[in-house]
Amino acid sequence: MNIELDEQAKRWIESKGNHLTVKNVEVKGCCFVGVQELVAIPKKPKALERYNQYKVDTLSIYVHKNINSDEKIHLKLSGIGLLKSISANVSAII
């Protein structure tokens, strides 16, 4: 697993306690096929056995085990003020 994040995202995660959880969320609807998205939450997961832990400098990044370890996760800070959040995107490692 390769995790990329810039200095701005790193500082924001540090300000939230040095823990980040990345997991899949599936949105289902009655009229369309389910869509899966990655969600990044600035906290430690409750069920640690469902996650792989990766250390990036002083950060602990917990990635759900159903996310392919042959992929690269890009973490980016977005938003302003109190509305800031981390977005996570996955791409194949080339």
C-alpha atoms as a PDB file:
ATOM      1  CA  MET A   1       0.000   0.000   0.000  1.00  0.00           C
ATOM      2  CA  ASN A   2       1.359   3.370  -1.024  1.00  0.00           C
ATOM      3  CA  ILE A   3      -0.116   6.410   0.742  1.00  0.00           C
ATOM      4  CA  GLU A   4       0.492   9.912  -0.606  1.00  0.00           C
ATOM      5  CA  LEU A   5      -0.409  13.132   1.177  1.00  0.00           C
ATOM      6  CA  ASP A   6       0.864  16.677   1.074  1.00  0.00           C
ATOM      7  CA  GLU A   7       2.170  18.709   4.014  1.00  0.00           C
ATOM      8  CA  GLN A   8      -1.134  20.573   4.440  1.00  0.00           C
ATOM      9  CA  ALA A   9      -3.106  17.320   4.809  1.00  0.00           C
ATOM     10  CA  LYS A  10      -0.466  15.933   7.169  1.00  0.00           C
ATOM     11  CA  ARG A  11      -0.658  18.982   9.474  1.00  0.00           C
ATOM     12  CA  TRP A  12      -4.486  18.799   9.538  1.00  0.00           C
ATOM     13  CA  ILE A  13      -4.458  15.095  10.494  1.00  0.00           C
ATOM     14  CA  GLU A  14      -1.882  15.836  13.194  1.00  0.00           C
ATOM     15  CA  SER A  15      -4.171  18.553  14.583  1.00  0.00           C
ATOM     16  CA  LYS A  16      -6.976  15.963  14.813  1.00  0.00           C
ATOM     17  CA  GLY A  17      -4.930  13.458  16.849  1.00  0.00           C
ATOM     18  CA  ASN A  18      -2.586  11.719  14.332  1.00  0.00           C
ATOM     19  CA  HIS A  19      -5.144   9.041  13.337  1.00  0.00           C
ATOM     20  CA  LEU A  20      -7.012   8.649  10.038  1.00  0.00           C
ATOM     21  CA  THR A  21      -9.391   5.871   9.002  1.00  0.00           C
ATOM     22  CA  VAL A  22      -9.965   5.120   5.304  1.00  0.00           C
ATOM     23  CA  LYS A  23     -12.882   2.854   4.405  1.00  0.00           C
ATOM     24  CA  ASN A  24     -15.348   2.058   1.617  1.00  0.00           C
ATOM     25  CA  VAL A  25     -18.903   3.285   1.813  1.00  0.00           C
ATOM     26  CA  GLU A  26     -21.496   1.851  -0.553  1.00  0.00           C
ATOM     27  CA  VAL A  27     -24.458   3.991  -1.531  1.00  0.00           C
ATOM     28  CA  LYS A  28     -27.413   1.923  -2.714  1.00  0.00           C
ATOM     29  CA  GLY A  29     -30.563   3.098  -4.378  1.00  0.00           C
ATOM     30  CA  CYS A  30     -33.733   1.522  -5.611  1.00  0.00           C
ATOM     31  CA  CYS A  31     -33.246   2.592  -9.222  1.00  0.00           C
ATOM     32  CA  PHE A  32     -29.491   2.332  -9.808  1.00  0.00           C
ATOM     33  CA  VAL A  33     -26.477   0.138  -9.140  1.00  0.00           C
ATOM     34  CA  GLY A  34     -24.653   0.764  -5.856  1.00  0.00           C
ATOM     35  CA  VAL A  35     -21.741   3.177  -5.922  1.00  0.00           C
ATOM     36  CA  GLN A  36     -18.659   2.723  -3.746  1.00  0.00           C
ATOM     37  CA  GLU A  37     -16.622   5.653  -2.458  1.00  0.00           C
ATOM     38  CA  LEU A  38     -13.695   6.028  -0.131  1.00  0.00           C
ATOM     39  CA  VAL A  39     -14.254   7.982   3.055  1.00  0.00           C
ATOM     40  CA  ALA A  40     -11.456   9.357   5.250  1.00  0.00           C
ATOM     41  CA  ILE A  41     -12.344  10.031   8.882  1.00  0.00           C
ATOM     42  CA  PRO A  42      -9.883  11.720  11.283  1.00  0.00           C
ATOM     43  CA  LYS A  43     -10.098   9.162  14.094  1.00  0.00           C
ATOM     44  CA  LYS A  44      -9.004   5.666  15.078  1.00  0.00           C
ATOM     45  CA  PRO A  45     -11.446   2.898  14.061  1.00  0.00           C
ATOM     46  CA  LYS A  46     -13.324   0.985  16.757  1.00  0.00           C
ATOM     47  CA  ALA A  47     -12.818  -2.460  15.167  1.00  0.00           C
ATOM     48  CA  LEU A  48      -9.041  -2.454  14.649  1.00  0.00           C
ATOM     49  CA  GLU A  49      -9.057  -6.082  13.447  1.00  0.00           C
ATOM     50  CA  ARG A  50     -10.832  -4.962  10.239  1.00  0.00           C
ATOM     51  CA  TYR A  51      -8.062  -2.528   9.292  1.00  0.00           C
ATOM     52  CA  ASN A  52      -4.429  -2.586   8.251  1.00  0.00           C
ATOM     53  CA  GLN A  53      -2.361   0.074   9.993  1.00  0.00           C
ATOM     54  CA  TYR A  54       0.249   2.086   8.094  1.00  0.00           C
ATOM     55  CA  LYS A  55       2.653   4.575   9.663  1.00  0.00           C
ATOM     56  CA  VAL A  56       3.409   7.744   7.715  1.00  0.00           C
ATOM     57  CA  ASP A  57       5.871   9.762   9.783  1.00  0.00           C
ATOM     58  CA  THR A  58       3.952  10.455  13.029  1.00  0.00           C
ATOM     59  CA  LEU A  59       0.554   9.507  11.564  1.00  0.00           C
ATOM     60  CA  SER A  60      -1.335   6.238  11.916  1.00  0.00           C
ATOM     61  CA  ILE A  61      -3.407   5.557   8.797  1.00  0.00           C
ATOM     62  CA  TYR A  62      -5.947   2.726   9.134  1.00  0.00           C
ATOM     63  CA  VAL A  63      -7.081   1.273   5.788  1.00  0.00           C
ATOM     64  CA  HIS A  64      -9.997  -1.165   5.665  1.00  0.00           C
ATOM     65  CA  LYS A  65      -8.856  -4.645   4.660  1.00  0.00           C
ATOM     66  CA  ASN A  66     -11.268  -4.787   1.706  1.00  0.00           C
ATOM     67  CA  ILE A  67      -9.278  -2.036  -0.049  1.00  0.00           C
ATOM     68  CA  ASN A  68      -6.717  -3.611  -2.387  1.00  0.00           C
ATOM     69  CA  SER A  69      -3.171  -3.267  -1.021  1.00  0.00           C
ATOM     70  CA  ASP A  70      -1.804  -3.082  -4.593  1.00  0.00           C
ATOM     71  CA  GLU A  71      -3.270   0.402  -4.954  1.00  0.00           C
ATOM     72  CA  LYS A  72      -2.106   3.895  -4.102  1.00  0.00           C
ATOM     73  CA  ILE A  73      -4.223   6.120  -1.842  1.00  0.00           C
ATOM     74  CA  HIS A  74      -4.047   9.877  -2.389  1.00  0.00           C
ATOM     75  CA  LEU A  75      -5.140  11.991   0.591  1.00  0.00           C
ATOM     76  CA  LYS A  76      -5.970  15.641   0.005  1.00  0.00           C
ATOM     77  CA  LEU A  77      -7.253  18.382   2.288  1.00  0.00           C
ATOM     78  CA  SER A  78     -10.176  20.408   0.985  1.00  0.00           C
ATOM     79  CA  GLY A  79     -12.640  22.978   2.313  1.00  0.00           C
ATOM     80  CA  ILE A  80     -12.197  26.115   4.395  1.00  0.00           C
ATOM     81  CA  GLY A  81     -12.253  26.897   8.095  1.00  0.00           C
ATOM     82  CA  LEU A  82     -14.294  24.440  10.141  1.00  0.00           C
ATOM     83  CA  LEU A  83     -15.528  22.750   6.947  1.00  0.00           C
ATOM     84  CA  LYS A  84     -12.164  21.191   6.083  1.00  0.00           C
ATOM     85  CA  SER A  85     -12.013  17.469   5.389  1.00  0.00           C
ATOM     86  CA  ILE A  86      -9.752  14.868   3.847  1.00  0.00           C
ATOM     87  CA  SER A  87     -10.686  13.266   0.555  1.00  0.00           C
ATOM     88  CA  ALA A  88      -9.254   9.891  -0.434  1.00  0.00           C
ATOM     89  CA  ASN A  89      -8.792   8.596  -3.974  1.00  0.00           C
ATOM     90  CA  VAL A  90      -7.359   5.292  -5.136  1.00  0.00           C
ATOM     91  CA  SER A  91      -5.274   4.558  -8.196  1.00  0.00           C
ATOM     92  CA  ALA A  92      -3.249   1.567  -9.341  1.00  0.00           C
ATOM     93  CA  ILE A  93       0.471   1.494  -8.543  1.00  0.00           C
ATOM     94  CA  ILE A  94       2.406   1.552 -11.792  1.00  0.00           C
END
